[in-house]
Amino acid sequence: MKRLMISAAVLPFLAGSALATDFAPQSGSVIAFDVMRGDSPMGTHTITFERDGDRLVATTDVDLRVSFGPVTFFRYEHEAREVWMGDRLVSFSSETLKDGNDLEVAAERAGDELAIDGMTYEEEPVSLTLPATLALSSHWRGYDPEASVIFNTETGQEMEVEIEEVGTETITVMGREIEARRIRMAGSLTVDLWYGPDDEWVKCAFEARGETITYVRRDA
């Protein structure tokens, strides 16, 4: 199978820097969501953090499915590992099962770039370099509203987006009312994301296949 070669040079002036977030997870902390399809449970999305000094490892585990009786009509699994030193992404890897396709990504920092082995959604391998400052589509670190390109954690490729600052809202998270910053990111999907006063990711909502999908925070 032909391997595509793509250079970070195709992204001049497009890729905004990753947002400098105030969220500072402690070792052992977890962001956990129940994922709802309308009023029906669809699965879970968790991010677990382990810290050793300035080194932070964020491990994402997503397991979603839609079934009727013994028949599964939709299944999505995503496992990812991010290694950070302060605000610098050191490495990234992921495995994804999406629409029956198996995708893998491996990325290592080399200077100011990421050297990436990824895959298209048609399972075609790609090798490319992208700016190491590109925000990841894992959501937990938030996004710079000026960014127009982010790193797709399913494929390892760039993904064009438009990000809108919606404003501050009062929402209920795990039984408490909090003030949350809401942004809207339009790409392959239009996703609304909410972040608490300390920049912690607290909610997500989007439309997919005619259904409203909502991420509801819960205790880990």
Protein backbone atom coordinates (compact mmCIF):
# COMPACT_ATOMS: atom_id res chain seq x y z
CA MET A 1 0.00 0.00 0.00
CA LYS A 2 1.34 3.42 -0.94
CA ARG A 3 2.56 5.54 1.98
CA LEU A 4 1.75 9.23 1.72
CA MET A 5 4.39 11.77 2.71
CA ILE A 6 3.23 15.15 4.03
CA SER A 7 5.34 18.00 5.39
CA ALA A 8 4.52 20.58 8.02
CA ALA A 9 5.34 23.14 5.35
CA VAL A 10 1.78 22.80 4.06
CA LEU A 11 0.53 24.53 7.22
CA PRO A 12 2.08 28.03 7.23
CA PHE A 13 0.06 30.61 9.13
CA LEU A 14 -2.75 28.11 9.74
CA ALA A 15 -1.76 26.27 12.88
CA GLY A 16 -2.35 28.29 16.02
CA SER A 17 -0.31 27.46 19.08
CA ALA A 18 -1.76 25.10 21.65
CA LEU A 19 -3.67 26.89 24.40
CA ALA A 20 -1.74 27.44 27.61
CA THR A 21 -4.22 25.93 30.07
CA ASP A 22 -4.49 26.56 33.81
CA PHE A 23 -5.69 22.97 34.30
CA ALA A 24 -3.01 21.12 36.27
CA PRO A 25 -4.14 17.53 36.95
CA GLN A 26 -2.55 15.70 39.86
CA SER A 27 -1.19 12.18 39.61
CA GLY A 28 -4.05 9.70 39.82
CA SER A 29 -6.76 12.20 38.92
CA VAL A 30 -9.40 11.21 36.37
CA ILE A 31 -11.82 13.03 34.07
CA ALA A 32 -14.74 10.63 33.57
CA PHE A 33 -17.88 10.99 31.46
CA ASP A 34 -20.96 8.91 30.86
CA VAL A 35 -21.83 9.32 27.18
CA MET A 36 -25.55 9.62 26.45
CA ARG A 37 -27.36 9.17 23.14
CA GLY A 38 -30.50 11.14 23.82
CA ASP A 39 -31.64 9.62 27.12
CA SER A 40 -29.90 6.28 26.52
CA PRO A 41 -26.44 5.33 27.80
CA MET A 42 -23.95 4.89 24.96
CA GLY A 43 -20.68 4.29 26.78
CA THR A 44 -17.88 6.04 28.64
CA HIS A 45 -14.98 8.41 28.01
CA THR A 46 -12.22 8.66 30.62
CA ILE A 47 -8.86 10.41 30.86
CA THR A 48 -6.45 9.26 33.56
CA PHE A 49 -3.44 11.34 34.59
CA GLU A 50 -0.10 10.23 36.04
CA ARG A 51 2.53 12.81 36.99
CA ASP A 52 6.24 12.53 37.77
CA GLY A 53 7.65 16.00 38.31
CA ASP A 54 7.15 17.96 35.09
CA ARG A 55 6.29 14.78 33.18
CA LEU A 56 2.56 14.19 32.72
CA VAL A 57 1.01 11.14 31.04
CA ALA A 58 -2.63 11.43 29.97
CA THR A 59 -4.31 8.15 29.00
CA THR A 60 -7.63 8.31 27.17
CA ASP A 61 -10.06 5.39 26.97
CA VAL A 62 -13.30 5.72 24.98
CA ASP A 63 -15.79 2.86 24.58
CA LEU A 64 -19.05 3.63 22.75
CA ARG A 65 -21.63 1.36 21.19
CA VAL A 66 -25.24 1.29 20.04
CA SER A 67 -26.98 -2.08 20.27
CA PHE A 68 -30.46 -3.52 19.82
CA GLY A 69 -30.69 -6.74 21.73
CA PRO A 70 -27.67 -8.88 20.83
CA VAL A 71 -26.92 -6.89 17.65
CA THR A 72 -24.41 -4.01 17.78
CA PHE A 73 -25.09 -1.37 15.12
CA PHE A 74 -22.30 1.04 16.05
CA ARG A 75 -19.05 0.55 17.90
CA TYR A 76 -16.27 3.03 18.63
CA GLU A 77 -13.15 2.41 20.69
CA HIS A 78 -10.25 4.81 21.16
CA GLU A 79 -7.19 4.43 23.36
CA ALA A 80 -4.55 7.16 23.43
CA ARG A 81 -1.46 8.11 25.41
CA GLU A 82 -0.06 11.65 25.59
CA VAL A 83 3.28 12.40 27.25
CA TRP A 84 3.90 16.03 28.22
CA MET A 85 6.86 17.84 29.78
CA GLY A 86 5.31 21.03 31.06
CA ASP A 87 3.48 22.51 28.06
CA ARG A 88 5.58 20.54 25.54
CA LEU A 89 4.11 17.44 23.94
CA VAL A 90 6.84 14.77 23.88
CA SER A 91 5.02 11.84 22.30
CA PHE A 92 1.57 10.60 21.34
CA SER A 93 0.12 7.24 20.37
CA SER A 94 -3.39 5.96 19.74
CA GLU A 95 -5.40 2.99 18.52
CA THR A 96 -8.93 3.52 17.23
CA LEU A 97 -11.74 1.29 16.02
CA LYS A 98 -14.16 3.45 14.04
CA ASP A 99 -16.84 2.31 11.59
CA GLY A 100 -15.10 -1.06 11.35
CA ASN A 101 -11.71 0.48 10.50
CA ASP A 102 -8.61 0.00 12.66
CA LEU A 103 -6.43 3.12 12.91
CA GLU A 104 -3.06 3.61 14.61
CA VAL A 105 -0.98 6.71 15.28
CA ALA A 106 2.54 7.09 16.69
CA ALA A 107 4.19 10.52 17.06
CA GLU A 108 7.50 11.64 18.56
CA ARG A 109 8.75 15.17 19.07
CA ALA A 110 11.79 16.16 17.01
CA GLY A 111 12.74 19.75 17.76
CA ASP A 112 9.75 21.96 17.01
CA GLU A 113 7.94 19.29 15.00
CA LEU A 114 6.17 15.98 15.52
CA ALA A 115 7.33 13.06 13.37
CA ILE A 116 4.13 11.08 12.82
CA ASP A 117 3.15 7.70 11.45
CA GLY A 118 -0.62 7.79 11.04
CA MET A 119 -3.44 6.46 8.90
CA THR A 120 -6.24 7.88 6.80
CA TYR A 121 -9.81 6.85 7.54
CA GLU A 122 -9.46 4.46 4.60
CA GLU A 123 -6.64 2.75 6.57
CA GLU A 124 -3.92 4.06 4.24
CA PRO A 125 -0.62 4.68 6.10
CA VAL A 126 0.74 8.23 6.13
CA SER A 127 4.07 9.65 7.33
CA LEU A 128 4.17 13.36 8.04
CA THR A 129 5.54 16.13 10.21
CA LEU A 130 3.40 18.74 11.93
CA PRO A 131 4.19 21.63 14.29
CA ALA A 132 4.65 20.28 17.82
CA THR A 133 2.60 23.21 19.15
CA LEU A 134 -0.56 22.02 17.41
CA ALA A 135 -3.44 21.40 19.83
CA LEU A 136 -4.63 17.79 20.06
CA SER A 137 -8.26 16.86 19.44
CA SER A 138 -8.42 15.13 22.84
CA HIS A 139 -10.28 18.22 24.21
CA TRP A 140 -8.98 18.16 27.80
CA ARG A 141 -6.40 20.94 27.30
CA GLY A 142 -8.86 23.26 25.58
CA TYR A 143 -8.33 25.27 22.39
CA ASP A 144 -7.10 28.66 21.27
CA PRO A 145 -10.05 30.38 19.53
CA GLU A 146 -7.58 31.70 16.93
CA ALA A 147 -6.48 28.19 15.90
CA SER A 148 -7.70 26.95 12.51
CA VAL A 149 -5.87 23.59 12.44
CA ILE A 150 -5.55 20.94 15.15
CA PHE A 151 -3.98 17.46 15.42
CA ASN A 152 -6.52 14.69 14.72
CA THR A 153 -5.80 12.06 17.38
CA GLU A 154 -7.58 9.34 15.38
CA THR A 155 -5.47 9.69 12.21
CA GLY A 156 -2.40 11.74 13.18
CA GLN A 157 -3.19 14.24 10.44
CA GLU A 158 -4.09 17.91 10.56
CA MET A 159 -7.77 18.81 10.81
CA GLU A 160 -9.14 22.20 9.83
CA VAL A 161 -11.52 23.74 12.37
CA GLU A 162 -13.34 26.95 13.18
CA ILE A 163 -13.51 27.78 16.89
CA GLU A 164 -16.06 30.17 18.35
CA GLU A 165 -16.01 31.59 21.86
CA VAL A 166 -19.67 31.23 22.91
CA GLY A 167 -19.40 32.71 26.39
CA THR A 168 -19.78 31.85 30.07
CA GLU A 169 -22.75 29.84 31.32
CA THR A 170 -23.99 28.41 34.61
CA ILE A 171 -24.25 24.63 34.29
CA THR A 172 -24.71 21.72 36.69
CA VAL A 173 -21.76 19.35 36.98
CA MET A 174 -21.97 16.37 39.35
CA GLY A 175 -24.74 18.06 41.33
CA ARG A 176 -23.03 21.47 41.63
CA GLU A 177 -23.71 24.67 39.73
CA ILE A 178 -20.55 26.15 38.25
CA GLU A 179 -19.58 28.92 35.85
CA ALA A 180 -18.24 27.31 32.68
CA ARG A 181 -16.62 28.72 29.55
CA ARG A 182 -18.28 27.37 26.40
CA ILE A 183 -16.65 27.10 22.99
CA ARG A 184 -17.95 25.68 19.71
CA MET A 185 -15.57 23.87 17.37
CA ALA A 186 -16.68 23.13 13.82
CA GLY A 187 -14.74 20.50 11.89
CA SER A 188 -15.85 17.06 10.75
CA LEU A 189 -18.44 17.51 13.55
CA THR A 190 -19.64 20.63 15.33
CA VAL A 191 -18.84 20.10 19.00
CA ASP A 192 -19.72 22.28 21.98
CA LEU A 193 -17.23 22.05 24.87
CA TRP A 194 -17.47 23.46 28.39
CA TYR A 195 -14.55 24.18 30.76
CA GLY A 196 -14.79 25.00 34.46
CA PRO A 197 -13.16 27.90 36.36
CA ASP A 198 -9.85 25.99 36.54
CA ASP A 199 -10.02 25.11 32.80
CA GLU A 200 -11.03 21.52 33.58
CA TRP A 201 -13.12 19.90 30.82
CA VAL A 202 -16.61 19.37 32.28
CA LYS A 203 -19.09 18.81 29.42
CA CYS A 204 -19.42 18.06 25.71
CA ALA A 205 -22.35 17.91 23.29
CA PHE A 206 -22.75 17.34 19.55
CA GLU A 207 -25.10 15.97 16.89
CA ALA A 208 -24.21 12.70 15.13
CA ARG A 209 -26.36 10.68 12.74
CA GLY A 210 -29.43 12.63 13.76
CA GLU A 211 -28.90 12.02 17.48
CA THR A 212 -27.83 14.36 20.29
CA ILE A 213 -24.74 13.03 22.06
CA THR A 214 -24.00 14.46 25.51
CA TYR A 215 -21.03 13.90 27.80
CA VAL A 216 -22.11 13.94 31.47
CA ARG A 217 -19.34 14.26 34.09
CA ARG A 218 -19.32 11.69 36.86
CA ASP A 219 -17.07 10.58 39.69
CA ALA A 220 -14.32 8.23 38.53
